[in-house]
N, C-alpha and C. Protein backbone atom coordinates (compact mmCIF):
# COMPACT_ATOMS: atom_id res chain seq x y z
N MET A 1 -40.59 207.66 39.47
CA MET A 1 -39.73 208.94 39.12
C MET A 1 -40.52 210.37 38.32
N HIS A 2 -41.40 209.25 37.67
CA HIS A 2 -42.24 210.83 36.90
C HIS A 2 -42.98 211.97 38.03
N ARG A 3 -43.72 211.15 39.16
CA ARG A 3 -43.94 212.44 40.20
C ARG A 3 -42.92 213.58 40.45
N LEU A 4 -41.23 212.18 41.01
CA LEU A 4 -40.28 213.36 41.43
C LEU A 4 -39.75 213.88 40.65
N ARG A 5 -40.03 213.98 39.20
CA ARG A 5 -39.39 214.99 38.10
C ARG A 5 -40.94 216.45 38.20
N LYS A 6 -41.86 215.74 38.23
CA LYS A 6 -43.26 216.78 38.21
C LYS A 6 -43.10 217.59 39.34
N ALA A 7 -42.64 217.01 40.28
CA ALA A 7 -42.20 218.08 41.89
C ALA A 7 -41.25 219.10 41.92
N GLY A 8 -40.48 218.80 40.83
CA GLY A 8 -39.21 219.29 40.29
C GLY A 8 -37.94 219.09 40.95
N THR A 9 -37.84 217.76 41.47
CA THR A 9 -36.60 217.27 41.78
C THR A 9 -36.03 216.87 40.54
N SER A 10 -34.37 217.03 40.72
CA SER A 10 -33.51 216.59 39.37
C SER A 10 -33.09 214.61 39.64
N ILE A 11 -33.83 213.55 38.80
CA ILE A 11 -33.43 212.36 39.13
C ILE A 11 -32.97 212.27 37.33
N VAL A 12 -32.64 211.47 37.78
CA VAL A 12 -31.98 210.47 35.94
C VAL A 12 -31.66 208.95 36.41
N GLN A 13 -32.50 208.20 35.13
CA GLN A 13 -32.29 206.56 35.65
C GLN A 13 -30.69 206.36 34.43
N GLN A 14 -30.35 205.16 35.17
CA GLN A 14 -29.23 204.73 35.00
C GLN A 14 -28.14 205.97 34.37
N HIS A 15 -28.17 206.40 35.59
CA HIS A 15 -26.80 207.56 35.65
C HIS A 15 -25.13 206.99 35.60
N PRO A 16 -24.32 207.23 34.96
CA PRO A 16 -23.10 207.10 35.38
C PRO A 16 -22.26 208.18 36.41
N VAL A 17 -21.91 206.71 36.74
CA VAL A 17 -21.25 207.65 38.51
C VAL A 17 -19.93 207.48 38.41
N PRO A 18 -18.76 208.45 38.74
CA PRO A 18 -17.33 207.88 38.40
C PRO A 18 -16.71 207.17 39.93
N VAL A 19 -15.87 206.18 39.81
CA VAL A 19 -15.44 205.79 40.69
C VAL A 19 -14.34 205.62 40.76
N PHE A 20 -14.07 205.51 42.14
CA PHE A 20 -12.45 205.85 42.20
C PHE A 20 -12.26 205.28 43.35
N ASP A 21 -10.57 204.77 42.97
CA ASP A 21 -9.85 203.73 44.00
C ASP A 21 -9.46 204.66 45.42
N GLU A 22 -9.11 204.30 46.71
CA GLU A 22 -8.90 204.75 47.70
C GLU A 22 -7.80 206.31 47.82
N ASP A 23 -7.22 205.88 46.90
CA ASP A 23 -5.83 206.68 46.66
C ASP A 23 -6.52 207.98 45.58
N GLY A 24 -8.17 207.63 45.05
CA GLY A 24 -8.33 209.11 44.39
C GLY A 24 -8.32 208.46 42.59
N THR A 25 -7.23 207.57 42.42
CA THR A 25 -7.29 207.61 41.18
C THR A 25 -8.95 206.89 40.14
N PRO A 26 -9.44 207.82 39.26
CA PRO A 26 -10.35 206.87 38.92
C PRO A 26 -10.34 205.54 38.49
N LEU A 27 -11.42 204.92 38.41
CA LEU A 27 -11.53 203.52 38.15
C LEU A 27 -12.07 203.38 36.88
N GLY A 28 -13.44 204.06 36.63
CA GLY A 28 -14.30 203.69 35.86
C GLY A 28 -15.75 204.42 36.41
N ASN A 29 -16.99 204.32 35.48
CA ASN A 29 -18.10 204.43 36.09
C ASN A 29 -18.85 203.48 36.77
N TYR A 30 -19.67 203.62 37.81
CA TYR A 30 -20.70 202.85 38.03
C TYR A 30 -22.00 203.26 37.06
N VAL A 31 -23.00 202.26 36.93
CA VAL A 31 -24.41 203.06 36.58
C VAL A 31 -25.34 203.02 37.43
N ALA A 32 -25.60 203.99 38.18
CA ALA A 32 -26.93 204.29 39.22
C ALA A 32 -27.95 203.84 38.47
N ASP A 33 -29.04 202.63 39.53
CA ASP A 33 -30.53 202.40 39.07
C ASP A 33 -30.97 203.57 38.62
N LEU A 34 -31.33 204.84 39.89
CA LEU A 34 -31.89 206.12 40.01
C LEU A 34 -30.45 206.91 40.78
N PHE A 35 -30.37 208.11 40.04
CA PHE A 35 -29.63 209.10 41.47
C PHE A 35 -30.22 210.27 40.91
N ILE A 36 -30.69 210.86 42.39
CA ILE A 36 -31.65 212.15 42.64
C ILE A 36 -30.56 213.46 43.25
N ALA A 37 -30.98 214.87 42.32
CA ALA A 37 -30.29 215.93 43.21
C ALA A 37 -28.87 215.33 42.91
N GLY A 38 -28.22 214.77 42.40
CA GLY A 38 -26.37 214.74 42.69
C GLY A 38 -26.01 214.23 43.48
N CYS A 39 -26.94 213.70 44.72
CA CYS A 39 -26.42 213.38 45.77
C CYS A 39 -27.11 212.19 46.74
N LEU A 40 -28.10 211.89 45.69
CA LEU A 40 -28.87 210.14 46.01
C LEU A 40 -28.71 209.39 45.48
N LEU A 41 -28.06 207.96 45.69
CA LEU A 41 -27.44 206.86 44.66
C LEU A 41 -29.04 205.88 45.21
N ILE A 42 -29.53 205.29 44.26
CA ILE A 42 -30.44 204.62 44.81
C ILE A 42 -30.49 203.12 44.24
N GLU A 43 -30.45 202.33 44.45
CA GLU A 43 -29.99 200.63 43.87
C GLU A 43 -31.26 199.81 44.47
N ILE A 44 -32.53 199.85 43.37
CA ILE A 44 -33.39 198.73 43.15
C ILE A 44 -33.23 197.33 43.04
N LYS A 45 -33.91 196.52 43.76
CA LYS A 45 -33.63 195.07 43.78
C LYS A 45 -34.76 194.49 43.35
N ALA A 46 -35.35 194.09 42.89
CA ALA A 46 -36.37 192.90 42.99
C ALA A 46 -36.52 191.09 42.95
N VAL A 47 -36.26 191.04 44.43
CA VAL A 47 -36.05 190.15 45.14
C VAL A 47 -37.33 190.17 46.19
N ARG A 48 -37.37 189.05 46.68
CA ARG A 48 -38.02 188.58 47.70
C ARG A 48 -37.70 189.13 49.23
N CYS A 49 -36.28 188.93 49.52
CA CYS A 49 -35.28 189.39 50.81
C CYS A 49 -34.56 190.12 50.27
N LEU A 50 -33.79 190.92 51.07
CA LEU A 50 -32.77 191.49 50.99
C LEU A 50 -31.90 190.75 51.54
N LEU A 51 -30.29 190.91 51.02
CA LEU A 51 -29.24 190.09 51.19
C LEU A 51 -28.14 190.97 51.91
N GLU A 52 -27.36 190.01 52.55
CA GLU A 52 -26.04 191.06 52.86
C GLU A 52 -25.44 191.58 51.66
N GLU A 53 -25.26 190.64 50.73
CA GLU A 53 -24.84 190.82 49.65
C GLU A 53 -25.32 192.15 48.96
N HIS A 54 -26.46 192.48 48.57
CA HIS A 54 -26.84 193.89 48.18
C HIS A 54 -26.55 194.92 49.54
N VAL A 55 -26.82 194.70 50.19
CA VAL A 55 -26.39 195.71 51.25
C VAL A 55 -24.79 196.23 51.28
N ALA A 56 -23.78 195.02 50.78
CA ALA A 56 -22.72 194.90 50.15
C ALA A 56 -22.46 196.10 49.56
N GLN A 57 -22.93 195.60 48.56
CA GLN A 57 -22.82 196.20 47.04
C GLN A 57 -23.20 197.55 47.07
N LEU A 58 -24.62 198.20 47.64
CA LEU A 58 -24.80 199.63 47.91
C LEU A 58 -23.56 200.23 48.74
N LEU A 59 -23.26 199.91 49.57
CA LEU A 59 -22.18 200.42 50.90
C LEU A 59 -20.73 200.91 49.32
N GLY A 60 -20.62 199.62 48.90
CA GLY A 60 -19.20 199.55 47.97
C GLY A 60 -19.38 200.57 46.76
N TYR A 61 -20.92 201.09 46.35
CA TYR A 61 -20.71 201.83 45.28
C TYR A 61 -20.82 203.33 46.13
N LEU A 62 -20.99 203.24 47.06
CA LEU A 62 -21.24 204.90 47.94
C LEU A 62 -19.79 205.16 48.31
N ARG A 63 -19.06 204.35 48.72
CA ARG A 63 -17.83 204.54 49.72
C ARG A 63 -17.07 204.68 47.87
N SER A 64 -16.95 203.85 47.03
CA SER A 64 -16.11 204.52 45.37
C SER A 64 -16.73 205.40 44.88
N SER A 65 -17.46 205.68 45.11
CA SER A 65 -18.18 207.03 44.01
C SER A 65 -18.03 208.16 45.20
N GLU A 66 -17.45 208.25 46.31
CA GLU A 66 -17.76 209.15 47.02
C GLU A 66 -18.75 210.13 47.50
N ILE A 67 -20.02 209.34 47.38
CA ILE A 67 -21.67 209.59 47.80
C ILE A 67 -21.35 209.35 48.64
N GLU A 68 -22.24 210.57 49.69
CA GLU A 68 -22.55 210.17 51.52
C GLU A 68 -24.21 209.19 51.24
N HIS A 69 -24.92 209.41 50.78
CA HIS A 69 -26.41 209.16 50.63
C HIS A 69 -27.18 207.87 49.83
N GLY A 70 -27.31 206.91 50.62
CA GLY A 70 -27.90 205.86 49.57
C GLY A 70 -29.34 205.26 49.98
N LEU A 71 -29.88 204.89 48.62
CA LEU A 71 -31.31 204.00 49.46
C LEU A 71 -30.83 202.92 48.72
N LEU A 72 -31.62 201.69 49.32
CA LEU A 72 -31.88 200.23 48.73
C LEU A 72 -33.20 200.02 49.11
N ILE A 73 -34.13 199.80 47.38
CA ILE A 73 -35.32 199.80 47.79
C ILE A 73 -35.88 198.38 47.19
N LYS A 74 -36.61 197.74 47.72
CA LYS A 74 -36.59 196.24 47.60
C LYS A 74 -38.00 196.27 47.16
N PHE A 75 -38.33 195.60 45.51
CA PHE A 75 -39.26 195.12 45.20
C PHE A 75 -39.74 193.68 45.37
N GLY A 76 -40.84 193.25 45.32
CA GLY A 76 -40.48 191.60 44.77
C GLY A 76 -41.25 190.94 45.95
N ALA A 77 -41.59 191.35 46.94
CA ALA A 77 -42.07 190.56 47.79
C ALA A 77 -43.69 191.53 48.30
N PRO A 78 -44.34 190.81 49.57
CA PRO A 78 -45.50 191.46 50.02
C PRO A 78 -45.31 192.65 50.51
N LYS A 79 -44.32 193.14 51.13
CA LYS A 79 -43.69 194.44 51.78
C LYS A 79 -42.87 195.32 51.06
N PHE A 80 -43.04 196.12 50.75
CA PHE A 80 -42.24 197.04 50.11
C PHE A 80 -41.17 198.00 51.28
N HIS A 81 -39.75 197.38 50.93
CA HIS A 81 -38.76 197.68 52.15
C HIS A 81 -37.96 198.59 51.29
N ILE A 82 -37.60 199.96 51.86
CA ILE A 82 -36.65 200.90 51.70
C ILE A 82 -35.41 201.12 53.13
N ARG A 83 -34.53 200.84 52.65
CA ARG A 83 -33.30 201.28 54.07
C ARG A 83 -32.45 202.24 53.35
N LYS A 84 -32.11 202.98 53.99
CA LYS A 84 -31.21 203.91 53.74
C LYS A 84 -29.89 204.10 54.36
N TYR A 85 -28.61 204.54 53.80
CA TYR A 85 -27.72 204.21 54.21
C TYR A 85 -26.87 205.75 53.81
N ILE A 86 -25.82 206.08 55.20
CA ILE A 86 -25.37 207.36 55.23
C ILE A 86 -24.40 206.98 55.50
N LEU A 87 -23.06 207.12 54.63
CA LEU A 87 -21.43 207.16 54.90
C LEU A 87 -21.17 208.28 55.46
N ASN A 88 -20.52 208.70 56.81
CA ASN A 88 -20.07 209.88 57.16
C ASN A 88 -18.72 209.77 57.95
N ASP A 89 -17.77 209.44 57.47
CA ASP A 89 -16.23 209.31 58.10
C ASP A 89 -16.33 208.03 58.94
N ALA A 90 -17.05 206.97 57.87
CA ALA A 90 -16.91 205.44 57.22
C ALA A 90 -17.43 205.26 58.82
N ILE A 91 -18.91 205.77 59.38
CA ILE A 91 -20.03 205.35 60.00
C ILE A 91 -20.89 205.21 59.00
N GLU A 92 -21.56 203.98 59.28
CA GLU A 92 -22.80 203.60 58.68
C GLU A 92 -23.87 203.17 59.55
N LYS A 93 -24.71 203.96 58.97
CA LYS A 93 -26.48 203.96 59.85
C LYS A 93 -27.55 203.59 59.03
N GLU A 94 -28.34 202.79 59.42
CA GLU A 94 -29.20 201.77 58.57
C GLU A 94 -30.51 201.69 59.32
N PRO A 95 -31.33 202.98 59.26
CA PRO A 95 -33.10 202.80 59.76
C PRO A 95 -33.38 202.40 58.42
N GLU A 96 -34.51 201.20 59.26
CA GLU A 96 -35.14 201.43 57.99
C GLU A 96 -36.85 201.63 57.91
N VAL A 97 -37.47 201.42 56.87
CA VAL A 97 -38.96 201.99 56.45
C VAL A 97 -39.24 200.62 55.97
N THR A 98 -40.27 200.41 56.34
CA THR A 98 -41.55 199.18 55.49
C THR A 98 -42.72 199.78 55.66
N LEU A 99 -43.13 199.57 54.03
CA LEU A 99 -44.30 200.43 53.84
C LEU A 99 -45.72 199.50 53.35
């Protein structure tokens, strides 16, 4: 986070993101682990492996907050994983990066 800020990127920790029902009714706020440049939601998990529940959680946050791009980042195992999800007309794409 520090390096992104140093590079001039807008990044906020524990940022409240408005959440809406399908009909547009405001439901409250989801608190994003990280929110970058007002358009990228990041969910961080300290687990050995990602489960379908983690993916479903992120996709639910993206849909209900009307944000298109999200990253699911996993710490807690020998390999660091980042999965990017894009919601575009209800099409979800899942490229995976392993570092």
